[in-house]
Amino acid sequence: MLDTVSSSFLVFAYLAAALFHLAIALGAPLAAYVHGENSNGQLRLSRRTLSFGFFLTFIAIVGHYLAQLGLFTPILEAAGNAVVNWVLVGIATVQAFIANTAKNLKQKKLWSGPTVAMLLAAVIVAV
């Protein structure tokens, strides 16, 4: 039951993060909240491209957790799925570390709590 709640939370959280990064990639003036940028305007093209990469990665992660919930057909067998779950714990760890050590206060305030919650949920799913 707890793993279902955790997977559902991760679907929501990664989908929200994916849409946030898609908005940035499309030019939304949210530079103050990502990539350590301090400006209030749009990111330069290289950073917008990076945000688009995050969008694609987060959508793939959403697909993985939807398969965990049984809404998609799993691509991997149980052993491969377990490995991916622990890789996602590693990704969530890096995200939480970056968010909680960011010098940019807007970035830190927005992402610190959610990334720690995502890390805890990823560990619950992996265990």
C-alpha atoms as a PDB file:
ATOM      1  CA  MET A   1       0.000   0.000   0.000  1.00  0.00           C
ATOM      2  CA  LEU A   2       2.766   2.449   0.942  1.00  0.00           C
ATOM      3  CA  ASP A   3       4.618   1.690  -2.289  1.00  0.00           C
ATOM      4  CA  THR A   4       1.452   2.469  -4.276  1.00  0.00           C
ATOM      5  CA  VAL A   5       1.051   5.817  -2.525  1.00  0.00           C
ATOM      6  CA  SER A   6       4.749   6.540  -3.045  1.00  0.00           C
ATOM      7  CA  SER A   7       4.620   5.624  -6.748  1.00  0.00           C
ATOM      8  CA  SER A   8       1.515   7.786  -7.194  1.00  0.00           C
ATOM      9  CA  PHE A   9       3.233  10.720  -5.496  1.00  0.00           C
ATOM     10  CA  LEU A  10       6.286  10.268  -7.721  1.00  0.00           C
ATOM     11  CA  VAL A  11       4.114  10.267 -10.856  1.00  0.00           C
ATOM     12  CA  PHE A  12       2.567  13.557  -9.760  1.00  0.00           C
ATOM     13  CA  ALA A  13       5.863  15.117  -8.643  1.00  0.00           C
ATOM     14  CA  TYR A  14       7.859  14.158 -11.734  1.00  0.00           C
ATOM     15  CA  LEU A  15       5.008  15.175 -14.029  1.00  0.00           C
ATOM     16  CA  ALA A  16       4.853  18.585 -12.338  1.00  0.00           C
ATOM     17  CA  ALA A  17       8.645  18.958 -12.627  1.00  0.00           C
ATOM     18  CA  ALA A  18       8.510  17.857 -16.269  1.00  0.00           C
ATOM     19  CA  LEU A  19       5.863  20.449 -17.121  1.00  0.00           C
ATOM     20  CA  PHE A  20       7.832  23.112 -15.238  1.00  0.00           C
ATOM     21  CA  HIS A  21      10.931  22.323 -17.315  1.00  0.00           C
ATOM     22  CA  LEU A  22       8.905  22.233 -20.529  1.00  0.00           C
ATOM     23  CA  ALA A  23       7.642  25.730 -19.752  1.00  0.00           C
ATOM     24  CA  ILE A  24      11.222  26.884 -19.234  1.00  0.00           C
ATOM     25  CA  ALA A  25      12.350  25.223 -22.462  1.00  0.00           C
ATOM     26  CA  LEU A  26       9.574  27.059 -24.290  1.00  0.00           C
ATOM     27  CA  GLY A  27      10.740  30.388 -22.883  1.00  0.00           C
ATOM     28  CA  ALA A  28       8.850  30.958 -19.638  1.00  0.00           C
ATOM     29  CA  PRO A  29      10.671  33.591 -17.542  1.00  0.00           C
ATOM     30  CA  LEU A  30      11.471  31.273 -14.635  1.00  0.00           C
ATOM     31  CA  ALA A  31      15.264  31.424 -14.685  1.00  0.00           C
ATOM     32  CA  ALA A  32      15.364  32.445 -11.021  1.00  0.00           C
ATOM     33  CA  TYR A  33      14.045  29.000 -10.027  1.00  0.00           C
ATOM     34  CA  VAL A  34      16.387  26.649 -11.900  1.00  0.00           C
ATOM     35  CA  HIS A  35      19.934  25.870 -12.939  1.00  0.00           C
ATOM     36  CA  GLY A  36      21.376  28.205 -10.308  1.00  0.00           C
ATOM     37  CA  GLU A  37      20.398  31.235 -12.347  1.00  0.00           C
ATOM     38  CA  ASN A  38      19.852  34.510 -10.509  1.00  0.00           C
ATOM     39  CA  SER A  39      18.072  36.434 -13.237  1.00  0.00           C
ATOM     40  CA  ASN A  40      14.311  36.813 -13.443  1.00  0.00           C
ATOM     41  CA  GLY A  41      14.192  36.430 -17.207  1.00  0.00           C
ATOM     42  CA  GLN A  42      14.457  33.681 -19.753  1.00  0.00           C
ATOM     43  CA  LEU A  43      17.352  31.291 -19.791  1.00  0.00           C
ATOM     44  CA  ARG A  44      19.833  31.303 -22.641  1.00  0.00           C
ATOM     45  CA  LEU A  45      19.325  28.644 -25.320  1.00  0.00           C
ATOM     46  CA  SER A  46      21.821  26.134 -23.885  1.00  0.00           C
ATOM     47  CA  ARG A  47      20.038  26.156 -20.512  1.00  0.00           C
ATOM     48  CA  ARG A  48      16.624  25.945 -22.184  1.00  0.00           C
ATOM     49  CA  THR A  49      17.878  22.903 -24.098  1.00  0.00           C
ATOM     50  CA  LEU A  50      19.005  21.376 -20.790  1.00  0.00           C
ATOM     51  CA  SER A  51      15.504  21.979 -19.393  1.00  0.00           C
ATOM     52  CA  PHE A  52      14.023  20.196 -22.402  1.00  0.00           C
ATOM     53  CA  GLY A  53      16.311  17.264 -21.644  1.00  0.00           C
ATOM     54  CA  PHE A  54      15.039  17.262 -18.060  1.00  0.00           C
ATOM     55  CA  PHE A  55      11.472  17.315 -19.415  1.00  0.00           C
ATOM     56  CA  LEU A  56      12.124  14.181 -21.498  1.00  0.00           C
ATOM     57  CA  THR A  57      13.926  12.429 -18.643  1.00  0.00           C
ATOM     58  CA  PHE A  58      11.158  13.195 -16.161  1.00  0.00           C
ATOM     59  CA  ILE A  59       8.486  11.967 -18.588  1.00  0.00           C
ATOM     60  CA  ALA A  60      10.403   8.678 -18.897  1.00  0.00           C
ATOM     61  CA  ILE A  61      10.528   8.448 -15.095  1.00  0.00           C
ATOM     62  CA  VAL A  62       6.767   9.080 -14.958  1.00  0.00           C
ATOM     63  CA  GLY A  63       6.309   6.174 -17.389  1.00  0.00           C
ATOM     64  CA  HIS A  64       8.391   3.927 -15.161  1.00  0.00           C
ATOM     65  CA  TYR A  65       6.319   4.724 -12.085  1.00  0.00           C
ATOM     66  CA  LEU A  66       3.073   4.335 -14.039  1.00  0.00           C
ATOM     67  CA  ALA A  67       4.282   0.830 -14.936  1.00  0.00           C
ATOM     68  CA  GLN A  68       4.970   0.281 -11.223  1.00  0.00           C
ATOM     69  CA  LEU A  69       1.323   1.125 -10.619  1.00  0.00           C
ATOM     70  CA  GLY A  70       0.174  -1.291 -13.322  1.00  0.00           C
ATOM     71  CA  LEU A  71      -1.132   1.437 -15.630  1.00  0.00           C
ATOM     72  CA  PHE A  72       1.509   0.699 -18.284  1.00  0.00           C
ATOM     73  CA  THR A  73       2.886  -2.662 -19.310  1.00  0.00           C
ATOM     74  CA  PRO A  74       6.310  -3.028 -17.710  1.00  0.00           C
ATOM     75  CA  ILE A  75       9.185  -3.191 -20.181  1.00  0.00           C
ATOM     76  CA  LEU A  76      11.593  -4.785 -17.715  1.00  0.00           C
ATOM     77  CA  GLU A  77      11.552  -8.006 -15.776  1.00  0.00           C
ATOM     78  CA  ALA A  78      11.548  -7.847 -11.963  1.00  0.00           C
ATOM     79  CA  ALA A  79      15.352  -7.794 -11.622  1.00  0.00           C
ATOM     80  CA  GLY A  80      15.761  -4.999 -14.179  1.00  0.00           C
ATOM     81  CA  ASN A  81      12.936  -3.072 -12.583  1.00  0.00           C
ATOM     82  CA  ALA A  82      14.657  -3.295  -9.199  1.00  0.00           C
ATOM     83  CA  VAL A  83      17.883  -1.942 -10.689  1.00  0.00           C
ATOM     84  CA  VAL A  84      16.037   0.981 -12.287  1.00  0.00           C
ATOM     85  CA  ASN A  85      14.300   1.729  -8.989  1.00  0.00           C
ATOM     86  CA  TRP A  86      17.677   2.050  -7.254  1.00  0.00           C
ATOM     87  CA  VAL A  87      19.055   4.169 -10.115  1.00  0.00           C
ATOM     88  CA  LEU A  88      16.056   6.465  -9.604  1.00  0.00           C
ATOM     89  CA  VAL A  89      16.906   6.634  -5.889  1.00  0.00           C
ATOM     90  CA  GLY A  90      20.356   7.793  -6.956  1.00  0.00           C
ATOM     91  CA  ILE A  91      18.875  10.444  -9.253  1.00  0.00           C
ATOM     92  CA  ALA A  92      16.535  11.619  -6.492  1.00  0.00           C
ATOM     93  CA  THR A  93      19.506  11.804  -4.117  1.00  0.00           C
ATOM     94  CA  VAL A  94      21.409  14.057  -6.525  1.00  0.00           C
ATOM     95  CA  GLN A  95      18.303  16.208  -7.046  1.00  0.00           C
ATOM     96  CA  ALA A  96      17.786  16.612  -3.292  1.00  0.00           C
ATOM     97  CA  PHE A  97      21.459  17.408  -2.733  1.00  0.00           C
ATOM     98  CA  ILE A  98      21.511  20.055  -5.470  1.00  0.00           C
ATOM     99  CA  ALA A  99      18.245  21.615  -4.307  1.00  0.00           C
ATOM    100  CA  ASN A 100      19.260  21.749  -0.664  1.00  0.00           C
ATOM    101  CA  THR A 101      22.730  23.146  -1.288  1.00  0.00           C
ATOM    102  CA  ALA A 102      21.711  25.709  -3.923  1.00  0.00           C
ATOM    103  CA  LYS A 103      22.993  29.236  -3.356  1.00  0.00           C
ATOM    104  CA  ASN A 104      19.994  30.644  -5.183  1.00  0.00           C
ATOM    105  CA  LEU A 105      17.323  31.127  -2.489  1.00  0.00           C
ATOM    106  CA  LYS A 106      14.351  31.003  -4.889  1.00  0.00           C
ATOM    107  CA  GLN A 107      15.584  27.723  -6.312  1.00  0.00           C
ATOM    108  CA  LYS A 108      16.240  26.364  -2.826  1.00  0.00           C
ATOM    109  CA  LYS A 109      12.817  27.375  -1.467  1.00  0.00           C
ATOM    110  CA  LEU A 110      10.963  25.878  -4.434  1.00  0.00           C
ATOM    111  CA  TRP A 111      12.793  22.562  -4.730  1.00  0.00           C
ATOM    112  CA  SER A 112      14.182  21.646  -1.291  1.00  0.00           C
ATOM    113  CA  GLY A 113      11.045  20.123   0.214  1.00  0.00           C
ATOM    114  CA  PRO A 114       9.715  18.372  -2.886  1.00  0.00           C
ATOM    115  CA  THR A 115      13.068  16.781  -3.747  1.00  0.00           C
ATOM    116  CA  VAL A 116      13.468  15.358  -0.240  1.00  0.00           C
ATOM    117  CA  ALA A 117       9.911  13.971  -0.406  1.00  0.00           C
ATOM    118  CA  MET A 118      10.677  12.503  -3.838  1.00  0.00           C
ATOM    119  CA  LEU A 119      13.827  10.868  -2.451  1.00  0.00           C
ATOM    120  CA  LEU A 120      11.934   9.299   0.442  1.00  0.00           C
ATOM    121  CA  ALA A 121       9.190   8.054  -1.882  1.00  0.00           C
ATOM    122  CA  ALA A 122      11.770   6.612  -4.307  1.00  0.00           C
ATOM    123  CA  VAL A 123      13.431   4.709  -1.448  1.00  0.00           C
ATOM    124  CA  ILE A 124      10.047   3.303  -0.357  1.00  0.00           C
ATOM    125  CA  VAL A 125       9.346   2.100  -3.904  1.00  0.00           C
ATOM    126  CA  ALA A 126      12.816   0.594  -4.270  1.00  0.00           C
ATOM    127  CA  VAL A 127      12.663  -1.281  -0.980  1.00  0.00           C
END
